C-alpha cells in the first residue's frame, strides 16, 4: 500500500480494524468513501463519533444505551420476574423482533472461551448474580448462542444459579422453520429431537 498517498493508506488501515474486513474490502471501501459527497462522509463521521461518545452500558442489564438505566429497565410494563441472558446487545434486538418476550434482559458481552483467554471475570456474570440476589427473579432464560462457547457459558451459569432456588431454562435449539431435514447436520437434528414437544 506504499503506492497510495498517506491519507488513503490511513483510511484503508482504519477499515481493516473492523471485523471481517480484509485488505481488498478495506481498499474498496476507502475508494468508495473518496467518491462520496463530502456531506455524506461527514454524516458518517459524525454518526461514528456520536455513537462512541453518547452510548454507554446500562447500570442494570449491561445493554448498550443512551440513557441510564436503559429503556427496557425503565419500562414498568415489563415482567421483572424473568431475566433473559444473552451474549451481545444485538441479541436483545433479535429477541425484541419476536414480540414474544416481555421480561428483562441481561447482556454478558461475550461468552466463556478458554481458547481465547475469556474467563468468567471477562464477561458480565457478577452483575447477573447480583441482580438475581437483589431482585425478585423467578426465572432466568439462558439464550446464549448454540455454539461451543455459548453452550459452555449456559452450563456454567446454570451451575452458578442453582443455589438461588429459581427456574433456569435454556432456549430450544433445532431446525429453523422452512428447513429441509436432508440439509441439517447431526448436531442440529439431535437438538431438534431433544427439544421435541407433544402436539
Protein backbone atom coordinates (compact mmCIF):
# COMPACT_ATOMS: atom_id res chain seq x y z
CA UNK A 1 0.00 0.00 0.00
CA UNK A 2 3.03 2.24 -0.20
CA UNK A 3 1.96 3.40 -3.65
CA UNK A 4 -1.13 5.22 -2.26
CA UNK A 5 -1.00 8.70 -0.71
CA UNK A 6 -0.85 8.59 3.10
CA UNK A 7 -4.49 9.69 3.71
CA UNK A 8 -5.78 6.76 1.60
CA UNK A 9 -3.40 4.33 3.29
CA UNK A 10 -4.61 5.54 6.70
CA UNK A 11 -8.24 5.15 5.63
CA UNK A 12 -7.61 1.61 4.39
CA UNK A 13 -5.82 0.76 7.65
CA UNK A 14 -8.77 2.18 9.58
CA UNK A 15 -11.28 -0.01 7.74
CA UNK A 16 -9.08 -3.08 8.25
CA UNK A 17 -9.52 -2.67 12.04
CA UNK A 18 -13.18 -3.60 11.62
CA UNK A 19 -14.12 -7.30 12.00
CA UNK A 20 -14.41 -9.23 8.75
CA UNK A 21 -12.75 -6.53 6.66
CA UNK A 22 -9.64 -7.68 4.81
CA UNK A 23 -7.24 -5.62 2.69
CA UNK A 24 -9.27 -5.79 -0.54
CA UNK A 25 -12.59 -4.89 1.09
CA UNK A 26 -10.89 -2.08 3.04
CA UNK A 27 -9.43 -0.73 -0.19
CA UNK A 28 -12.82 -0.91 -1.93
CA UNK A 29 -14.49 0.91 0.99
CA UNK A 30 -11.78 3.59 1.08
CA UNK A 31 -12.20 4.40 -2.61
CA UNK A 32 -15.99 4.34 -2.24
CA UNK A 33 -15.71 6.93 0.55
CA UNK A 34 -13.49 9.09 -1.68
CA UNK A 35 -16.22 9.09 -4.35
CA UNK A 36 -18.99 10.05 -1.91
CA UNK A 37 -20.27 13.59 -1.44
CA UNK A 38 -18.44 15.40 1.36
CA UNK A 39 -21.64 15.96 3.36
CA UNK A 40 -22.40 12.21 3.30
CA UNK A 41 -18.89 11.40 4.54
CA UNK A 42 -19.25 14.00 7.29
CA UNK A 43 -22.59 12.46 8.34
CA UNK A 44 -20.95 9.03 8.66
CA UNK A 45 -18.06 10.51 10.63
CA UNK A 46 -20.50 12.36 12.90
CA UNK A 47 -22.54 9.17 13.48
CA UNK A 48 -19.37 7.28 14.44
CA UNK A 49 -18.26 9.96 16.90
CA UNK A 50 -21.77 10.34 18.39
CA UNK A 51 -22.14 6.58 18.90
CA UNK A 52 -18.77 6.41 20.64
CA UNK A 53 -19.40 9.47 22.83
CA UNK A 54 -23.08 9.08 23.73
CA UNK A 55 -23.54 5.34 24.24
CA UNK A 56 -22.72 3.52 27.46
CA UNK A 57 -23.75 0.34 29.28
CA UNK A 58 -26.95 0.21 31.33
CA UNK A 59 -26.12 0.03 35.05
CA UNK A 60 -28.78 -2.67 35.48
CA UNK A 61 -28.76 -5.01 32.46
CA UNK A 62 -25.44 -4.02 30.80
CA UNK A 63 -27.13 -3.42 27.44
CA UNK A 64 -25.89 -0.58 25.24
CA UNK A 65 -27.94 2.55 25.87
CA UNK A 66 -28.08 6.31 25.52
CA UNK A 67 -29.98 6.71 28.84
CA UNK A 68 -29.27 5.08 32.19
CA UNK A 69 -30.99 2.87 33.13
CA UNK A 70 -31.95 1.76 29.64
CA UNK A 71 -35.47 1.92 28.24
CA UNK A 72 -36.11 -1.79 28.95
CA UNK A 73 -35.10 -1.43 32.61
CA UNK A 74 -37.24 1.74 32.95
CA UNK A 75 -40.32 0.13 31.37
CA UNK A 76 -42.78 -0.61 34.20
CA UNK A 77 -44.90 -2.81 31.88
CA UNK A 78 -42.16 -5.42 31.51
CA UNK A 79 -42.22 -8.60 33.60
CA UNK A 80 -39.47 -8.19 36.22
CA UNK A 81 -39.55 -11.77 37.49
CA UNK A 82 -37.94 -13.15 34.29
CA UNK A 83 -34.44 -12.32 33.01
CA UNK A 84 -33.29 -13.41 29.56
CA UNK A 85 -29.49 -13.71 29.43
CA UNK A 86 -27.92 -13.01 26.02
CA UNK A 87 -24.34 -12.72 24.80
CA UNK A 88 -24.39 -9.40 22.91
CA UNK A 89 -26.56 -6.26 22.65
CA UNK A 90 -27.59 -7.26 19.11
CA UNK A 91 -29.19 -10.39 20.64
CA UNK A 92 -31.59 -8.15 22.61
CA UNK A 93 -32.73 -6.61 19.32
CA UNK A 94 -33.26 -10.11 17.87
CA UNK A 95 -35.36 -11.16 20.88
CA UNK A 96 -37.42 -7.97 20.67
CA UNK A 97 -38.19 -8.60 16.99
CA UNK A 98 -40.08 -11.77 18.00
CA UNK A 99 -42.54 -9.70 20.08
CA UNK A 100 -42.85 -12.80 22.30
CA UNK A 101 -40.67 -11.86 25.28
CA UNK A 102 -41.79 -9.20 27.76
CA UNK A 103 -39.32 -9.74 30.58
CA UNK A 104 -35.99 -8.17 31.44
CA UNK A 105 -32.60 -8.71 29.81
CA UNK A 106 -29.03 -9.21 30.91
CA UNK A 107 -26.20 -8.82 28.38
CA UNK A 108 -22.97 -10.74 29.09
CA UNK A 109 -20.85 -9.05 26.39
CA UNK A 110 -19.28 -12.32 25.33
CA UNK A 111 -19.08 -16.00 26.14
CA UNK A 112 -16.62 -18.18 28.00
CA UNK A 113 -13.78 -19.24 25.73
CA UNK A 114 -10.63 -20.64 27.34
CA UNK A 115 -9.01 -20.88 23.89
CA UNK A 116 -9.32 -17.08 23.51
CA UNK A 117 -8.49 -16.41 27.16
CA UNK A 118 -12.05 -15.29 28.05
CA UNK A 119 -12.95 -16.39 31.57
CA UNK A 120 -15.87 -15.64 33.93
CA UNK A 121 -14.27 -12.38 35.06
CA UNK A 122 -14.21 -11.09 31.45
CA UNK A 123 -17.98 -11.13 30.93
CA UNK A 124 -20.84 -9.67 32.98
CA UNK A 125 -21.56 -12.67 35.24
CA UNK A 126 -21.01 -10.85 38.56
CA UNK A 127 -23.65 -8.28 37.62
CA UNK A 128 -26.14 -11.07 36.78
CA UNK A 129 -25.61 -12.83 40.12
CA UNK A 130 -26.10 -9.52 41.95
CA UNK A 131 -29.38 -8.92 40.12
CA UNK A 132 -30.65 -12.41 40.89
CA UNK A 133 -29.77 -11.94 44.57
CA UNK A 134 -31.28 -8.43 44.85
CA UNK A 135 -34.36 -8.60 42.65
CA UNK A 136 -37.45 -10.83 42.81
CA UNK A 137 -36.38 -13.07 39.92
CA UNK A 138 -38.25 -16.34 39.45
CA UNK A 139 -36.78 -17.50 36.12
CA UNK A 140 -33.57 -16.99 34.19
CA UNK A 141 -33.67 -17.89 30.49
CA UNK A 142 -30.23 -18.70 29.10
CA UNK A 143 -30.33 -17.51 25.49
CA UNK A 144 -26.63 -17.76 24.65
CA UNK A 145 -25.68 -18.82 21.13
CA UNK A 146 -25.80 -22.53 20.23
CA UNK A 147 -22.01 -22.66 19.82
CA UNK A 148 -19.42 -24.48 21.91
CA UNK A 149 -18.71 -21.23 23.77
CA UNK A 150 -22.40 -20.40 24.19
CA UNK A 151 -23.21 -23.88 25.49
CA UNK A 152 -20.27 -23.78 27.92
CA UNK A 153 -21.43 -20.38 29.18
CA UNK A 154 -25.01 -21.63 29.65
CA UNK A 155 -23.81 -24.71 31.58
CA UNK A 156 -21.52 -22.59 33.76
CA UNK A 157 -24.31 -20.11 34.52
CA UNK A 158 -26.82 -22.88 35.31
CA UNK A 159 -24.43 -24.23 37.97
CA UNK A 160 -23.89 -20.76 39.45
CA UNK A 161 -27.64 -20.05 39.55
CA UNK A 162 -28.63 -23.37 41.17
CA UNK A 163 -28.28 -22.11 44.79
CA UNK A 164 -30.75 -19.27 44.14
CA UNK A 165 -33.71 -21.69 44.02
CA UNK A 166 -35.16 -20.33 40.80
CA UNK A 167 -36.18 -21.77 37.47
CA UNK A 168 -33.29 -21.83 34.98
CA UNK A 169 -34.24 -22.59 31.37
CA UNK A 170 -32.37 -22.82 28.07
CA UNK A 171 -33.80 -21.69 24.74
CA UNK A 172 -34.62 -24.60 22.42
CA UNK A 173 -32.36 -25.48 19.51
CA UNK A 174 -33.13 -27.34 16.37
CA UNK A 175 -34.31 -26.93 12.82
CA UNK A 176 -35.19 -23.47 11.54
CA UNK A 177 -38.69 -23.01 10.13
CA UNK A 178 -38.71 -23.84 6.43
CA UNK A 179 -35.58 -26.02 6.55
CA UNK A 180 -35.26 -29.46 4.96
CA UNK A 181 -34.17 -32.42 7.11
CA UNK A 182 -31.75 -33.64 4.47
CA UNK A 183 -29.63 -30.48 4.79
CA UNK A 184 -29.49 -30.43 8.60
CA UNK A 185 -26.29 -31.54 10.34
CA UNK A 186 -26.29 -34.25 13.02
CA UNK A 187 -25.96 -31.87 15.98
CA UNK A 188 -28.92 -29.75 14.82
CA UNK A 189 -31.06 -32.84 14.31
CA UNK A 190 -30.15 -34.27 17.72
CA UNK A 191 -31.01 -30.93 19.37
CA UNK A 192 -34.33 -30.88 17.49
CA UNK A 193 -35.10 -34.38 18.80
CA UNK A 194 -34.16 -33.41 22.36
CA UNK A 195 -36.42 -30.35 22.23
CA UNK A 196 -39.44 -32.13 20.75
CA UNK A 197 -42.86 -31.46 22.31
CA UNK A 198 -46.22 -33.13 22.31
CA UNK A 199 -48.85 -31.84 19.88
